[in-house]
C-alpha cells in the first residue's frame, strides 16, 4: 500500500533537509508571488517566459539530470505541494505524475492534454506509444505557453493581461523559429538523420527522416542487426553525421560513426541544460540544432 505523507510534514522535512524550501512558505508571512513548479526544462522555460517577473519558477529536474529518471525528493514534493501552478507532461515522468496526483493543491497544466501528441514511428510504422518530445515542434510549445498564461491569469487576475501579452510574445518568437526550420531544411541534399534515440520525431514535419540507434529508450542497447542495418543505410543514403545527445552516453553513436567513417556530432534533445549549455536557452539550442542539421544534410 502506498504511503501518502501529509503536506505539512513534507514542508517541514524539506525545510530541515535543505536549509530552506525552494519556495518560501507564505504561512510565515513571506510572499514570493505566484509559485510555479515545472517538471523539466522546456516547461520551466515556458513558465518563466510567460510568468515574467510576477512568477517564481522551480524546475523539478536539476540541470544535468535525465528527466526520464526523475524520482522527486521530499523537497521537490514540497515544491509541488506549495505551487500555485504545476506544469508537467503526464506519461513522460511517471514519478512526477504520482507526486502531482497525491500532493498538488494548486492549478495544473498537463502538456499532454494541451497538444496533440503523435505516435512514435518505427521504419514508417506508427507505434501504439505516443512520442512525448513535442517541444521539438515550436508551435506545439507555443500552445503550452498559451495554456500556462490562461492558468496564471486565473491564479493571479491582477497580472492577467501581462501573462497573456508575454504568451503572445513567446508565440511570435516560436513562430519565427518554426519559419527558420521550415526555410532552413527546405532544400537539402539528404533528408535522413541518424540519432542516438527517438527524441526528434517531431522534426519530421520539416521533411526529415529520423533513424534511431537505441529506439525509444536512451538506456537500451542496439542489436548487431540494428547496427548492421544502420551501417548499410549510412552508406546507401550518403549520411555524413551520426548524432549523439547531451544527457546520455555518446559511446554507441561515436562507435557507429567510426565504423562507417562519418562524423559524430551532438543534437540536443533539449530535455534539460548541462554545464556546457548553462548559458543557453531553448531558442539558442534549437538554432544550434538547426545549424547542425543543415551542415549534416547539405542544406542550402
C-alpha atoms as a PDB file:
ATOM      1  CA  UNK A   1       0.000   0.000   0.000  1.00  0.00           C
ATOM      2  CA  UNK A   2       1.392   3.441  -0.960  1.00  0.00           C
ATOM      3  CA  UNK A   3       2.011   5.802   1.960  1.00  0.00           C
ATOM      4  CA  UNK A   4       0.785   9.357   1.358  1.00  0.00           C
ATOM      5  CA  UNK A   5       2.691  11.795   3.553  1.00  0.00           C
ATOM      6  CA  UNK A   6       0.752  14.840   4.816  1.00  0.00           C
ATOM      7  CA  UNK A   7       1.742  18.038   3.059  1.00  0.00           C
ATOM      8  CA  UNK A   8       2.587  19.773   6.351  1.00  0.00           C
ATOM      9  CA  UNK A   9       5.108  17.042   7.155  1.00  0.00           C
ATOM     10  CA  UNK A  10       6.634  17.316   3.688  1.00  0.00           C
ATOM     11  CA  UNK A  11       7.097  21.050   4.033  1.00  0.00           C
ATOM     12  CA  UNK A  12       8.726  20.724   7.433  1.00  0.00           C
ATOM     13  CA  UNK A  13      11.018  17.946   6.214  1.00  0.00           C
ATOM     14  CA  UNK A  14      12.015  19.932   3.133  1.00  0.00           C
ATOM     15  CA  UNK A  15      12.974  22.897   5.271  1.00  0.00           C
ATOM     16  CA  UNK A  16      15.083  20.732   7.572  1.00  0.00           C
ATOM     17  CA  UNK A  17      16.853  18.746   4.859  1.00  0.00           C
ATOM     18  CA  UNK A  18      17.622  21.645   2.516  1.00  0.00           C
ATOM     19  CA  UNK A  19      18.103  24.522   4.925  1.00  0.00           C
ATOM     20  CA  UNK A  20      15.167  26.302   3.281  1.00  0.00           C
ATOM     21  CA  UNK A  21      12.357  25.326   0.965  1.00  0.00           C
ATOM     22  CA  UNK A  22      12.744  26.217  -2.719  1.00  0.00           C
ATOM     23  CA  UNK A  23       9.510  28.198  -2.386  1.00  0.00           C
ATOM     24  CA  UNK A  24       9.041  30.414   0.649  1.00  0.00           C
ATOM     25  CA  UNK A  25       6.129  29.233   2.791  1.00  0.00           C
ATOM     26  CA  UNK A  26       3.535  32.014   2.719  1.00  0.00           C
ATOM     27  CA  UNK A  27       2.200  30.853   6.071  1.00  0.00           C
ATOM     28  CA  UNK A  28       5.119  32.554   7.816  1.00  0.00           C
ATOM     29  CA  UNK A  29       4.241  35.907   6.286  1.00  0.00           C
ATOM     30  CA  UNK A  30       6.602  35.967   3.339  1.00  0.00           C
ATOM     31  CA  UNK A  31       5.281  36.069  -0.216  1.00  0.00           C
ATOM     32  CA  UNK A  32       7.383  35.261  -3.280  1.00  0.00           C
ATOM     33  CA  UNK A  33       4.486  35.918  -5.636  1.00  0.00           C
ATOM     34  CA  UNK A  34       2.942  33.237  -7.818  1.00  0.00           C
ATOM     35  CA  UNK A  35       4.812  29.955  -7.456  1.00  0.00           C
ATOM     36  CA  UNK A  36       5.124  27.503 -10.352  1.00  0.00           C
ATOM     37  CA  UNK A  37       6.629  24.018 -10.251  1.00  0.00           C
ATOM     38  CA  UNK A  38       7.675  22.823 -13.720  1.00  0.00           C
ATOM     39  CA  UNK A  39       8.570  19.189 -14.313  1.00  0.00           C
ATOM     40  CA  UNK A  40      11.524  19.666 -16.696  1.00  0.00           C
ATOM     41  CA  UNK A  41      13.401  22.306 -18.653  1.00  0.00           C
ATOM     42  CA  UNK A  42      11.222  23.194 -21.702  1.00  0.00           C
ATOM     43  CA  UNK A  43       8.192  23.558 -19.440  1.00  0.00           C
ATOM     44  CA  UNK A  44      10.165  25.634 -16.920  1.00  0.00           C
ATOM     45  CA  UNK A  45      11.417  27.876 -19.730  1.00  0.00           C
ATOM     46  CA  UNK A  46       7.873  28.451 -20.985  1.00  0.00           C
ATOM     47  CA  UNK A  47       6.640  29.210 -17.466  1.00  0.00           C
ATOM     48  CA  UNK A  48       9.453  31.733 -16.971  1.00  0.00           C
ATOM     49  CA  UNK A  49       8.758  33.425 -20.300  1.00  0.00           C
ATOM     50  CA  UNK A  50       5.015  33.645 -19.671  1.00  0.00           C
ATOM     51  CA  UNK A  51       5.238  34.488 -15.971  1.00  0.00           C
ATOM     52  CA  UNK A  52       7.931  37.124 -16.277  1.00  0.00           C
ATOM     53  CA  UNK A  53       8.780  38.985 -13.077  1.00  0.00           C
ATOM     54  CA  UNK A  54       5.490  38.104 -11.381  1.00  0.00           C
ATOM     55  CA  UNK A  55       6.214  34.375 -11.108  1.00  0.00           C
ATOM     56  CA  UNK A  56       8.818  32.240  -9.362  1.00  0.00           C
ATOM     57  CA  UNK A  57       9.515  29.007 -11.263  1.00  0.00           C
ATOM     58  CA  UNK A  58      11.111  25.915  -9.745  1.00  0.00           C
ATOM     59  CA  UNK A  59      12.370  23.264 -12.207  1.00  0.00           C
ATOM     60  CA  UNK A  60      11.876  19.838 -10.598  1.00  0.00           C
ATOM     61  CA  UNK A  61      14.603  18.298 -12.809  1.00  0.00           C
ATOM     62  CA  UNK A  62      18.033  19.577 -11.788  1.00  0.00           C
ATOM     63  CA  UNK A  63      20.439  20.759 -14.527  1.00  0.00           C
ATOM     64  CA  UNK A  64      22.326  17.786 -15.938  1.00  0.00           C
ATOM     65  CA  UNK A  65      19.666  15.344 -14.747  1.00  0.00           C
ATOM     66  CA  UNK A  66      17.909  12.945 -17.082  1.00  0.00           C
ATOM     67  CA  UNK A  67      14.179  13.845 -16.866  1.00  0.00           C
ATOM     68  CA  UNK A  68      13.024  10.283 -17.562  1.00  0.00           C
ATOM     69  CA  UNK A  69      14.812   9.101 -14.397  1.00  0.00           C
ATOM     70  CA  UNK A  70      13.485  11.751 -12.007  1.00  0.00           C
ATOM     71  CA  UNK A  71      12.239  10.477  -8.631  1.00  0.00           C
ATOM     72  CA  UNK A  72      11.059  13.565  -6.713  1.00  0.00           C
ATOM     73  CA  UNK A  73      12.762  14.135  -3.376  1.00  0.00           C
ATOM     74  CA  UNK A  74      10.984  15.379  -0.267  1.00  0.00           C
ATOM     75  CA  UNK A  75      11.938  18.926  -1.218  1.00  0.00           C
ATOM     76  CA  UNK A  76      10.659  18.564  -4.801  1.00  0.00           C
ATOM     77  CA  UNK A  77       7.444  17.011  -3.496  1.00  0.00           C
ATOM     78  CA  UNK A  78       7.059  20.051  -1.239  1.00  0.00           C
ATOM     79  CA  UNK A  79       7.578  22.303  -4.284  1.00  0.00           C
ATOM     80  CA  UNK A  80       4.637  20.581  -5.968  1.00  0.00           C
ATOM     81  CA  UNK A  81       2.508  20.832  -2.840  1.00  0.00           C
ATOM     82  CA  UNK A  82       3.205  24.561  -2.403  1.00  0.00           C
ATOM     83  CA  UNK A  83       2.898  25.564  -6.042  1.00  0.00           C
ATOM     84  CA  UNK A  84       0.064  27.759  -7.243  1.00  0.00           C
ATOM     85  CA  UNK A  85       0.534  26.061 -10.622  1.00  0.00           C
ATOM     86  CA  UNK A  86       2.227  22.814 -11.660  1.00  0.00           C
ATOM     87  CA  UNK A  87       3.259  22.385 -15.300  1.00  0.00           C
ATOM     88  CA  UNK A  88       4.063  18.799 -16.306  1.00  0.00           C
ATOM     89  CA  UNK A  89       3.508  16.195 -19.020  1.00  0.00           C
ATOM     90  CA  UNK A  90       1.619  13.113 -17.920  1.00  0.00           C
ATOM     91  CA  UNK A  91       3.255   9.914 -19.137  1.00  0.00           C
ATOM     92  CA  UNK A  92       6.740  11.403 -19.579  1.00  0.00           C
ATOM     93  CA  UNK A  93       7.784  11.215 -15.921  1.00  0.00           C
ATOM     94  CA  UNK A  94       5.566   8.696 -14.080  1.00  0.00           C
ATOM     95  CA  UNK A  95       7.002   9.576 -10.655  1.00  0.00           C
ATOM     96  CA  UNK A  96       6.083  13.224 -11.222  1.00  0.00           C
ATOM     97  CA  UNK A  97       2.578  12.167 -12.242  1.00  0.00           C
ATOM     98  CA  UNK A  98       2.199  10.339  -8.912  1.00  0.00           C
ATOM     99  CA  UNK A  99       3.549  13.321  -6.983  1.00  0.00           C
ATOM    100  CA  UNK A 100       1.104  15.681  -8.680  1.00  0.00           C
ATOM    101  CA  UNK A 101      -1.839  13.330  -8.079  1.00  0.00           C
ATOM    102  CA  UNK A 102      -1.031  12.893  -4.389  1.00  0.00           C
ATOM    103  CA  UNK A 103       0.242  16.328  -3.378  1.00  0.00           C
ATOM    104  CA  UNK A 104      -0.646  19.172  -5.773  1.00  0.00           C
ATOM    105  CA  UNK A 105      -3.138  21.610  -4.263  1.00  0.00           C
ATOM    106  CA  UNK A 106      -2.969  24.371  -6.872  1.00  0.00           C
ATOM    107  CA  UNK A 107      -3.832  24.509 -10.559  1.00  0.00           C
ATOM    108  CA  UNK A 108      -2.136  22.279 -13.128  1.00  0.00           C
ATOM    109  CA  UNK A 109      -1.293  22.320 -16.826  1.00  0.00           C
ATOM    110  CA  UNK A 110      -0.749  18.868 -18.324  1.00  0.00           C
ATOM    111  CA  UNK A 111       1.025  19.421 -21.640  1.00  0.00           C
ATOM    112  CA  UNK A 112      -0.189  16.030 -22.869  1.00  0.00           C
ATOM    113  CA  UNK A 113      -3.742  17.395 -22.667  1.00  0.00           C
ATOM    114  CA  UNK A 114      -2.832  20.671 -24.392  1.00  0.00           C
ATOM    115  CA  UNK A 115      -1.065  19.377 -27.515  1.00  0.00           C
ATOM    116  CA  UNK A 116      -1.855  16.519 -29.871  1.00  0.00           C
ATOM    117  CA  UNK A 117       0.959  14.050 -29.330  1.00  0.00           C
ATOM    118  CA  UNK A 118       1.944  11.946 -32.325  1.00  0.00           C
ATOM    119  CA  UNK A 119       2.908   8.271 -32.172  1.00  0.00           C
ATOM    120  CA  UNK A 120       6.474   7.077 -32.383  1.00  0.00           C
ATOM    121  CA  UNK A 121       7.292   5.755 -35.838  1.00  0.00           C
ATOM    122  CA  UNK A 122       9.472   2.687 -36.364  1.00  0.00           C
ATOM    123  CA  UNK A 123      10.565   2.331 -40.011  1.00  0.00           C
ATOM    124  CA  UNK A 124       7.480   4.216 -41.130  1.00  0.00           C
ATOM    125  CA  UNK A 125       5.049   2.268 -38.939  1.00  0.00           C
ATOM    126  CA  UNK A 126       3.132   4.005 -36.140  1.00  0.00           C
ATOM    127  CA  UNK A 127       3.751   2.686 -32.642  1.00  0.00           C
ATOM    128  CA  UNK A 128       0.901   2.403 -30.097  1.00  0.00           C
ATOM    129  CA  UNK A 129       3.007   4.629 -27.835  1.00  0.00           C
ATOM    130  CA  UNK A 130       2.841   8.418 -28.179  1.00  0.00           C
ATOM    131  CA  UNK A 131       6.033  10.437 -28.560  1.00  0.00           C
ATOM    132  CA  UNK A 132       6.265  12.861 -25.602  1.00  0.00           C
ATOM    133  CA  UNK A 133       9.021  15.080 -27.090  1.00  0.00           C
ATOM    134  CA  UNK A 134       6.542  17.615 -28.500  1.00  0.00           C
ATOM    135  CA  UNK A 135       8.758  20.636 -27.734  1.00  0.00           C
ATOM    136  CA  UNK A 136      10.829  19.787 -30.804  1.00  0.00           C
ATOM    137  CA  UNK A 137       7.895  21.420 -32.625  1.00  0.00           C
ATOM    138  CA  UNK A 138       7.984  25.123 -31.647  1.00  0.00           C
ATOM    139  CA  UNK A 139       4.326  25.655 -32.496  1.00  0.00           C
ATOM    140  CA  UNK A 140       3.228  22.977 -30.025  1.00  0.00           C
ATOM    141  CA  UNK A 141       5.353  24.584 -27.329  1.00  0.00           C
ATOM    142  CA  UNK A 142       3.592  27.874 -28.101  1.00  0.00           C
ATOM    143  CA  UNK A 143       0.268  26.141 -27.411  1.00  0.00           C
ATOM    144  CA  UNK A 144       1.543  25.151 -23.970  1.00  0.00           C
ATOM    145  CA  UNK A 145       2.579  28.769 -23.400  1.00  0.00           C
ATOM    146  CA  UNK A 146      -0.968  29.907 -24.113  1.00  0.00           C
ATOM    147  CA  UNK A 147      -2.368  27.331 -21.676  1.00  0.00           C
ATOM    148  CA  UNK A 148       0.074  28.409 -18.971  1.00  0.00           C
ATOM    149  CA  UNK A 149      -0.937  32.041 -19.498  1.00  0.00           C
ATOM    150  CA  UNK A 150      -4.618  31.235 -19.043  1.00  0.00           C
ATOM    151  CA  UNK A 151      -3.987  29.291 -15.834  1.00  0.00           C
ATOM    152  CA  UNK A 152      -1.767  32.048 -14.447  1.00  0.00           C
ATOM    153  CA  UNK A 153      -4.441  34.587 -15.341  1.00  0.00           C
ATOM    154  CA  UNK A 154      -6.927  32.603 -13.233  1.00  0.00           C
ATOM    155  CA  UNK A 155      -4.475  32.319 -10.330  1.00  0.00           C
ATOM    156  CA  UNK A 156      -3.355  35.962 -10.426  1.00  0.00           C
ATOM    157  CA  UNK A 157      -6.010  38.102 -12.082  1.00  0.00           C
ATOM    158  CA  UNK A 158      -4.173  41.326 -11.263  1.00  0.00           C
ATOM    159  CA  UNK A 159      -1.487  40.430 -13.825  1.00  0.00           C
ATOM    160  CA  UNK A 160      -3.679  38.502 -16.287  1.00  0.00           C
ATOM    161  CA  UNK A 161      -3.056  40.917 -19.155  1.00  0.00           C
ATOM    162  CA  UNK A 162       0.707  40.675 -18.585  1.00  0.00           C
ATOM    163  CA  UNK A 163       0.652  36.883 -18.771  1.00  0.00           C
ATOM    164  CA  UNK A 164      -1.347  36.905 -21.980  1.00  0.00           C
ATOM    165  CA  UNK A 165       0.931  39.540 -23.521  1.00  0.00           C
ATOM    166  CA  UNK A 166       4.005  37.504 -22.546  1.00  0.00           C
ATOM    167  CA  UNK A 167       2.461  34.405 -24.126  1.00  0.00           C
ATOM    168  CA  UNK A 168       1.799  36.345 -27.343  1.00  0.00           C
ATOM    169  CA  UNK A 169       5.441  37.469 -27.438  1.00  0.00           C
ATOM    170  CA  UNK A 170       6.561  33.906 -26.805  1.00  0.00           C
ATOM    171  CA  UNK A 171       4.352  32.623 -29.618  1.00  0.00           C
ATOM    172  CA  UNK A 172       5.840  35.194 -32.006  1.00  0.00           C
ATOM    173  CA  UNK A 173       9.362  34.009 -31.105  1.00  0.00           C
ATOM    174  CA  UNK A 174       8.385  30.374 -31.606  1.00  0.00           C
ATOM    175  CA  UNK A 175       6.631  31.051 -34.907  1.00  0.00           C
ATOM    176  CA  UNK A 176       9.808  32.783 -36.091  1.00  0.00           C
ATOM    177  CA  UNK A 177      11.831  29.724 -35.057  1.00  0.00           C
ATOM    178  CA  UNK A 178       9.396  27.438 -36.874  1.00  0.00           C
ATOM    179  CA  UNK A 179       9.843  29.512 -40.024  1.00  0.00           C
ATOM    180  CA  UNK A 180      13.630  29.277 -39.713  1.00  0.00           C
ATOM    181  CA  UNK A 181      13.377  25.475 -39.568  1.00  0.00           C
ATOM    182  CA  UNK A 182      10.971  25.297 -42.487  1.00  0.00           C
ATOM    183  CA  UNK A 183      13.177  27.500 -44.667  1.00  0.00           C
ATOM    184  CA  UNK A 184      16.498  26.088 -43.471  1.00  0.00           C
ATOM    185  CA  UNK A 185      15.547  22.467 -44.173  1.00  0.00           C
ATOM    186  CA  UNK A 186      13.612  23.066 -47.391  1.00  0.00           C
ATOM    187  CA  UNK A 187      16.479  22.482 -49.828  1.00  0.00           C
ATOM    188  CA  UNK A 188      18.860  19.751 -48.644  1.00  0.00           C
ATOM    189  CA  UNK A 189      20.971  17.135 -50.407  1.00  0.00           C
ATOM    190  CA  UNK A 190      19.840  14.485 -47.903  1.00  0.00           C
ATOM    191  CA  UNK A 191      16.888  14.069 -45.566  1.00  0.00           C
ATOM    192  CA  UNK A 192      17.970  11.065 -43.461  1.00  0.00           C
ATOM    193  CA  UNK A 193      19.256  11.809 -39.948  1.00  0.00           C
ATOM    194  CA  UNK A 194      20.785   9.147 -37.671  1.00  0.00           C
ATOM    195  CA  UNK A 195      20.295   9.927 -33.967  1.00  0.00           C
ATOM    196  CA  UNK A 196      21.028   8.030 -30.784  1.00  0.00           C
ATOM    197  CA  UNK A 197      17.435   7.638 -29.524  1.00  0.00           C
ATOM    198  CA  UNK A 198      13.943   8.524 -30.647  1.00  0.00           C
ATOM    199  CA  UNK A 199      13.678  12.066 -29.250  1.00  0.00           C
ATOM    200  CA  UNK A 200      13.405  14.028 -32.516  1.00  0.00           C
ATOM    201  CA  UNK A 201      10.357  12.613 -34.250  1.00  0.00           C
ATOM    202  CA  UNK A 202       8.526  15.942 -34.302  1.00  0.00           C
ATOM    203  CA  UNK A 203      11.241  17.350 -36.574  1.00  0.00           C
ATOM    204  CA  UNK A 204       9.996  15.035 -39.314  1.00  0.00           C
ATOM    205  CA  UNK A 205       7.323  17.563 -40.221  1.00  0.00           C
ATOM    206  CA  UNK A 206      10.171  19.605 -41.737  1.00  0.00           C
ATOM    207  CA  UNK A 207      10.830  16.827 -44.254  1.00  0.00           C
ATOM    208  CA  UNK A 208      13.425  14.845 -42.280  1.00  0.00           C
ATOM    209  CA  UNK A 209      13.511  11.080 -41.774  1.00  0.00           C
ATOM    210  CA  UNK A 210      14.833  10.077 -38.351  1.00  0.00           C
ATOM    211  CA  UNK A 211      16.669   6.786 -37.927  1.00  0.00           C
ATOM    212  CA  UNK A 212      17.485   5.813 -34.342  1.00  0.00           C
ATOM    213  CA  UNK A 213      20.247   3.670 -32.864  1.00  0.00           C
ATOM    214  CA  UNK A 214      18.640   2.948 -29.486  1.00  0.00           C
ATOM    215  CA  UNK A 215      14.945   3.199 -30.322  1.00  0.00           C
ATOM    216  CA  UNK A 216      12.588   4.616 -27.702  1.00  0.00           C
ATOM    217  CA  UNK A 217      14.825   4.284 -24.645  1.00  0.00           C
ATOM    218  CA  UNK A 218      18.168   6.097 -24.235  1.00  0.00           C
ATOM    219  CA  UNK A 219      19.241   3.270 -21.886  1.00  0.00           C
ATOM    220  CA  UNK A 220      18.679   0.391 -24.337  1.00  0.00           C
ATOM    221  CA  UNK A 221      21.345  -1.442 -26.313  1.00  0.00           C
ATOM    222  CA  UNK A 222      21.264  -1.880 -30.113  1.00  0.00           C
ATOM    223  CA  UNK A 223      21.415  -5.385 -31.533  1.00  0.00           C
ATOM    224  CA  UNK A 224      24.036  -6.392 -34.112  1.00  0.00           C
ATOM    225  CA  UNK A 225      21.217  -6.476 -36.667  1.00  0.00           C
ATOM    226  CA  UNK A 226      20.248  -2.881 -35.775  1.00  0.00           C
ATOM    227  CA  UNK A 227      23.816  -1.690 -36.192  1.00  0.00           C
ATOM    228  CA  UNK A 228      24.228  -3.579 -39.472  1.00  0.00           C
ATOM    229  CA  UNK A 229      21.062  -2.007 -40.867  1.00  0.00           C
ATOM    230  CA  UNK A 230      22.242   1.463 -39.880  1.00  0.00           C
ATOM    231  CA  UNK A 231      25.689   0.903 -41.383  1.00  0.00           C
ATOM    232  CA  UNK A 232      24.049  -0.057 -44.682  1.00  0.00           C
ATOM    233  CA  UNK A 233      21.708   2.932 -44.504  1.00  0.00           C
ATOM    234  CA  UNK A 234      24.529   5.391 -43.787  1.00  0.00           C
ATOM    235  CA  UNK A 235      26.444   4.185 -46.838  1.00  0.00           C
ATOM    236  CA  UNK A 236      23.394   3.966 -49.109  1.00  0.00           C
ATOM    237  CA  UNK A 237      21.925   7.353 -48.170  1.00  0.00           C
ATOM    238  CA  UNK A 238      25.262   9.170 -48.015  1.00  0.00           C
ATOM    239  CA  UNK A 239      24.717  10.144 -44.376  1.00  0.00           C
ATOM    240  CA  UNK A 240      27.605  12.314 -43.206  1.00  0.00           C
ATOM    241  CA  UNK A 241      26.959  12.511 -39.458  1.00  0.00           C
ATOM    242  CA  UNK A 242      25.805  10.332 -36.576  1.00  0.00           C
ATOM    243  CA  UNK A 243      24.257  12.388 -33.777  1.00  0.00           C
ATOM    244  CA  UNK A 244      24.579  11.650 -30.078  1.00  0.00           C
ATOM    245  CA  UNK A 245      22.856  13.586 -27.297  1.00  0.00           C
ATOM    246  CA  UNK A 246      23.848  15.810 -24.411  1.00  0.00           C
ATOM    247  CA  UNK A 247      22.385  13.906 -21.429  1.00  0.00           C
ATOM    248  CA  UNK A 248      23.259  10.301 -22.353  1.00  0.00           C
ATOM    249  CA  UNK A 249      26.446   8.457 -23.246  1.00  0.00           C
ATOM    250  CA  UNK A 250      27.759   9.068 -26.773  1.00  0.00           C
ATOM    251  CA  UNK A 251      29.714   5.787 -26.900  1.00  0.00           C
ATOM    252  CA  UNK A 252      27.399   3.814 -29.217  1.00  0.00           C
ATOM    253  CA  UNK A 253      26.843   6.734 -31.604  1.00  0.00           C
ATOM    254  CA  UNK A 254      30.561   7.540 -31.729  1.00  0.00           C
ATOM    255  CA  UNK A 255      31.406   3.906 -32.435  1.00  0.00           C
ATOM    256  CA  UNK A 256      28.882   3.735 -35.280  1.00  0.00           C
ATOM    257  CA  UNK A 257      30.387   6.911 -36.750  1.00  0.00           C
ATOM    258  CA  UNK A 258      33.905   5.434 -36.554  1.00  0.00           C
ATOM    259  CA  UNK A 259      32.788   2.131 -38.095  1.00  0.00           C
ATOM    260  CA  UNK A 260      31.259   3.920 -41.083  1.00  0.00           C
ATOM    261  CA  UNK A 261      33.870   6.657 -41.453  1.00  0.00           C
ATOM    262  CA  UNK A 262      31.497   9.580 -40.871  1.00  0.00           C
ATOM    263  CA  UNK A 263      31.486  12.453 -38.394  1.00  0.00           C
ATOM    264  CA  UNK A 264      29.933  12.377 -34.951  1.00  0.00           C
ATOM    265  CA  UNK A 265      28.157  15.419 -33.543  1.00  0.00           C
ATOM    266  CA  UNK A 266      25.667  16.353 -30.830  1.00  0.00           C
ATOM    267  CA  UNK A 267      21.978  17.052 -31.389  1.00  0.00           C
ATOM    268  CA  UNK A 268      20.461  18.355 -28.172  1.00  0.00           C
ATOM    269  CA  UNK A 269      17.006  16.949 -27.294  1.00  0.00           C
ATOM    270  CA  UNK A 270      16.597  19.999 -25.006  1.00  0.00           C
ATOM    271  CA  UNK A 271      15.224  17.930 -22.161  1.00  0.00           C
ATOM    272  CA  UNK A 272      17.490  19.834 -19.763  1.00  0.00           C
ATOM    273  CA  UNK A 273      20.530  22.063 -19.551  1.00  0.00           C
ATOM    274  CA  UNK A 274      24.045  20.845 -18.730  1.00  0.00           C
ATOM    275  CA  UNK A 275      27.227  22.527 -17.519  1.00  0.00           C
ATOM    276  CA  UNK A 276      28.143  23.077 -21.183  1.00  0.00           C
ATOM    277  CA  UNK A 277      24.777  24.638 -22.073  1.00  0.00           C
ATOM    278  CA  UNK A 278      24.078  26.540 -18.848  1.00  0.00           C
ATOM    279  CA  UNK A 279      24.251  29.874 -20.693  1.00  0.00           C
ATOM    280  CA  UNK A 280      21.901  28.723 -23.468  1.00  0.00           C
ATOM    281  CA  UNK A 281      18.118  28.601 -23.646  1.00  0.00           C
ATOM    282  CA  UNK A 282      15.510  26.748 -25.682  1.00  0.00           C
ATOM    283  CA  UNK A 283      15.717  29.148 -28.631  1.00  0.00           C
ATOM    284  CA  UNK A 284      19.509  29.137 -28.885  1.00  0.00           C
ATOM    285  CA  UNK A 285      19.704  25.346 -28.530  1.00  0.00           C
ATOM    286  CA  UNK A 286      17.069  24.829 -31.216  1.00  0.00           C
ATOM    287  CA  UNK A 287      19.021  27.141 -33.529  1.00  0.00           C
ATOM    288  CA  UNK A 288      22.238  25.222 -32.793  1.00  0.00           C
ATOM    289  CA  UNK A 289      20.410  22.003 -33.681  1.00  0.00           C
ATOM    290  CA  UNK A 290      19.192  23.581 -36.918  1.00  0.00           C
ATOM    291  CA  UNK A 291      22.724  24.605 -37.867  1.00  0.00           C
ATOM    292  CA  UNK A 292      23.974  21.075 -37.170  1.00  0.00           C
ATOM    293  CA  UNK A 293      21.190  19.510 -39.252  1.00  0.00           C
ATOM    294  CA  UNK A 294      21.821  21.874 -42.161  1.00  0.00           C
ATOM    295  CA  UNK A 295      25.545  21.077 -42.162  1.00  0.00           C
ATOM    296  CA  UNK A 296      24.964  17.320 -41.895  1.00  0.00           C
ATOM    297  CA  UNK A 297      22.364  17.215 -44.662  1.00  0.00           C
ATOM    298  CA  UNK A 298      23.951  19.670 -47.083  1.00  0.00           C
ATOM    299  CA  UNK A 299      21.151  22.214 -46.912  1.00  0.00           C
ATOM    300  CA  UNK A 300      21.334  25.404 -48.960  1.00  0.00           C
END
